[in-house]
């Protein structure tokens, strides 16, 4: 029997992000894994829409009349739109990457949990309040919660009171196209791949690069896949001083491209080591989002460059991630 699977992508902006890359890579694979179902993907009017290559016979793209950054207003509008869509055609499953989690009692909700940063004080007060008082209770009604990393699954179970049997790890992975086919003979300079957010602690990376005597290249969210692949191939070390992450994709991508990494010692980066990452050195995180020093990072860079360690990404693939999503949807 054909089911309608509604995918809410209205929280995704036009710039590349970990959430957007995950959505695209999973949607690239789900139509083949769910050939009897129809996937209806809703994109925000100003969110850039899907890439041209994201097409399949059983994949339908819809533009929703909401703005991807409109916060609580978007959530209210989406809740109304989802209720109207449910009355028109009762969908059997709802895959949501960004709230609201509407109709939890009448649809099979499969929710992707990227991180728990709002519980840690990151983001605006309204977003934190919505996460605590609306989103968390709705998560408890979901048929399945898919965490992008083991530490996210553990904390969600402990702090949000989720049923452990309904929480699964469907970890992010590396997109093959982001790994250049060949690297230049000479790598030079440090690389930072991060948006300008307080939790990314970008100033600390700049300070560490200066102390290590390296020029720093900072790529932000608007960087294309080609630019990222080129940057990973041309630099000698990636700096990742973030104070909060779910799954740090640039770290995994850099390691896959043979680029060693100095990263903050936070749960997300410890997870990557546990998943088999090599060439990843962890040092205590910067003192805060505005810290202009990162003690220990420059020394770690020097050790890495002197040792030329074996570099390898954490285990996992987007194929495996998509299979876990399909299983959670009841494939």
Foldseek 3Di string as FASTA:
>chain_A
DEFEEEEEAQLAAQFADPLVVLVQLLLQPQCVVCVRYAYEYEYEPRRNFHDPVNDDPRYHYHYDDHHNPPPPVRQVSVQVVVVVVCVVPNGAEYEYADDDLHPLVRHAYEYEDWFDVLVVPFDDPVVSVCCVPHVLVSVQSHQAYEAQFPVRLVCSCVPSVHDNVRYYYLHDAEDVLLADPAADPAAFFEEEEEAPGLQQLVLAVVLLRVVLVGHYDYHYRRDDSVRNNNNLRRHQEYEGQGNTGRAPHSQLSSLQNLHAYEYEPDVNVVRFVVLPFPNYHYDHHAPGSPGNHGPPRSVVSVVCVVVVTRGHTGDDDSVSSSVVVSVSSPD
